[in-house]
Amino acid sequence: MPEVLFEMQYVGRVVRVTAIDPMTGIEVVSVGDAERGVEALKRVAARKLMYVLRRRAEKSGPKGKGETA
């Protein structure tokens, strides 16, 4: 994944991290402890985004003749 956009909203001791894939517009939200480092919070959100993108690709992947889901 070449690019991920992040939005971080701090609410007390909690951070809401939104990770967005700019190519598809798909976004995921992760919530973490505000005391954790910014890079660690971004890493968790990016991994969740990669998981969601991979799952969607598997569900909508091309199916040839004779293949079953």
C-alpha atoms as a PDB file:
ATOM      1  CA  MET A   1       0.000   0.000   0.000  1.00  0.00           C
ATOM      2  CA  PRO A   2       1.808   3.111  -1.186  1.00  0.00           C
ATOM      3  CA  GLU A   3      -0.140   5.733   0.775  1.00  0.00           C
ATOM      4  CA  VAL A   4      -2.377   5.867   3.847  1.00  0.00           C
ATOM      5  CA  LEU A   5      -4.038   8.984   5.192  1.00  0.00           C
ATOM      6  CA  PHE A   6      -4.469   9.266   8.958  1.00  0.00           C
ATOM      7  CA  GLU A   7      -6.750  11.354  11.130  1.00  0.00           C
ATOM      8  CA  MET A   8      -6.204  11.340  14.882  1.00  0.00           C
ATOM      9  CA  GLN A   9      -8.711  12.652  17.416  1.00  0.00           C
ATOM     10  CA  TYR A  10      -7.645  12.841  21.045  1.00  0.00           C
ATOM     11  CA  VAL A  11     -10.406  12.444  23.627  1.00  0.00           C
ATOM     12  CA  GLY A  12      -8.898  12.438  27.096  1.00  0.00           C
ATOM     13  CA  ARG A  13      -6.743   9.326  27.460  1.00  0.00           C
ATOM     14  CA  VAL A  14      -8.050   7.766  24.241  1.00  0.00           C
ATOM     15  CA  VAL A  15      -7.102   8.379  20.614  1.00  0.00           C
ATOM     16  CA  ARG A  16      -9.427   7.616  17.707  1.00  0.00           C
ATOM     17  CA  VAL A  17      -7.302   6.889  14.627  1.00  0.00           C
ATOM     18  CA  THR A  18      -8.903   6.799  11.190  1.00  0.00           C
ATOM     19  CA  ALA A  19      -6.842   5.233   8.389  1.00  0.00           C
ATOM     20  CA  ILE A  20      -7.965   5.922   4.810  1.00  0.00           C
ATOM     21  CA  ASP A  21      -6.867   4.348   1.534  1.00  0.00           C
ATOM     22  CA  PRO A  22      -6.985   7.302  -0.910  1.00  0.00           C
ATOM     23  CA  MET A  23      -7.269   5.027  -3.962  1.00  0.00           C
ATOM     24  CA  THR A  24     -10.514   3.338  -2.836  1.00  0.00           C
ATOM     25  CA  GLY A  25     -11.805   5.718  -0.176  1.00  0.00           C
ATOM     26  CA  ILE A  26     -12.121   2.830   2.266  1.00  0.00           C
ATOM     27  CA  GLU A  27     -11.526   3.834   5.851  1.00  0.00           C
ATOM     28  CA  VAL A  28     -11.226   2.038   9.166  1.00  0.00           C
ATOM     29  CA  VAL A  29     -11.235   3.289  12.735  1.00  0.00           C
ATOM     30  CA  SER A  30      -8.998   2.113  15.541  1.00  0.00           C
ATOM     31  CA  VAL A  31      -9.041   3.281  19.163  1.00  0.00           C
ATOM     32  CA  GLY A  32      -5.986   3.258  21.394  1.00  0.00           C
ATOM     33  CA  ASP A  33      -4.396   4.616  24.546  1.00  0.00           C
ATOM     34  CA  ALA A  34      -3.192   8.206  24.143  1.00  0.00           C
ATOM     35  CA  GLU A  35       0.021   7.325  26.011  1.00  0.00           C
ATOM     36  CA  ARG A  36       1.136   5.036  23.190  1.00  0.00           C
ATOM     37  CA  GLY A  37       3.344   6.558  20.530  1.00  0.00           C
ATOM     38  CA  VAL A  38       1.832   8.098  17.414  1.00  0.00           C
ATOM     39  CA  GLU A  39       3.706   5.653  15.162  1.00  0.00           C
ATOM     40  CA  ALA A  40       2.398   2.653  17.109  1.00  0.00           C
ATOM     41  CA  LEU A  41      -1.183   3.917  16.829  1.00  0.00           C
ATOM     42  CA  LYS A  42      -0.764   4.544  13.088  1.00  0.00           C
ATOM     43  CA  ARG A  43       0.765   1.093  12.612  1.00  0.00           C
ATOM     44  CA  VAL A  44      -2.250  -0.610  14.235  1.00  0.00           C
ATOM     45  CA  ALA A  45      -4.700   1.387  12.110  1.00  0.00           C
ATOM     46  CA  ALA A  46      -2.719   0.714   8.907  1.00  0.00           C
ATOM     47  CA  ARG A  47      -2.656  -3.031   9.624  1.00  0.00           C
ATOM     48  CA  LYS A  48      -6.414  -3.006  10.152  1.00  0.00           C
ATOM     49  CA  LEU A  49      -6.868  -1.136   6.859  1.00  0.00           C
ATOM     50  CA  MET A  50      -4.675  -3.663   5.017  1.00  0.00           C
ATOM     51  CA  TYR A  51      -6.742  -6.489   6.516  1.00  0.00           C
ATOM     52  CA  VAL A  52     -10.021  -4.907   5.376  1.00  0.00           C
ATOM     53  CA  LEU A  53      -8.671  -4.231   1.876  1.00  0.00           C
ATOM     54  CA  ARG A  54      -7.399  -7.811   1.589  1.00  0.00           C
ATOM     55  CA  ARG A  55     -10.759  -9.235   2.736  1.00  0.00           C
ATOM     56  CA  ARG A  56     -12.679  -7.111   0.233  1.00  0.00           C
ATOM     57  CA  ALA A  57     -10.342  -8.176  -2.572  1.00  0.00           C
ATOM     58  CA  GLU A  58     -10.880 -11.846  -1.672  1.00  0.00           C
ATOM     59  CA  LYS A  59     -14.669 -11.446  -1.665  1.00  0.00           C
ATOM     60  CA  SER A  60     -14.814  -9.579  -4.965  1.00  0.00           C
ATOM     61  CA  GLY A  61     -11.925 -11.395  -6.632  1.00  0.00           C
ATOM     62  CA  PRO A  62     -12.306 -12.806 -10.149  1.00  0.00           C
ATOM     63  CA  LYS A  63     -13.761 -16.281 -10.402  1.00  0.00           C
ATOM     64  CA  GLY A  64     -12.981 -18.325 -13.475  1.00  0.00           C
ATOM     65  CA  LYS A  65     -15.089 -21.094 -14.976  1.00  0.00           C
ATOM     66  CA  GLY A  66     -15.486 -24.042 -12.674  1.00  0.00           C
ATOM     67  CA  GLU A  67     -14.212 -22.265  -9.591  1.00  0.00           C
ATOM     68  CA  THR A  68     -16.311 -22.199  -6.454  1.00  0.00           C
ATOM     69  CA  ALA A  69     -16.239 -19.865  -3.520  1.00  0.00           C
END
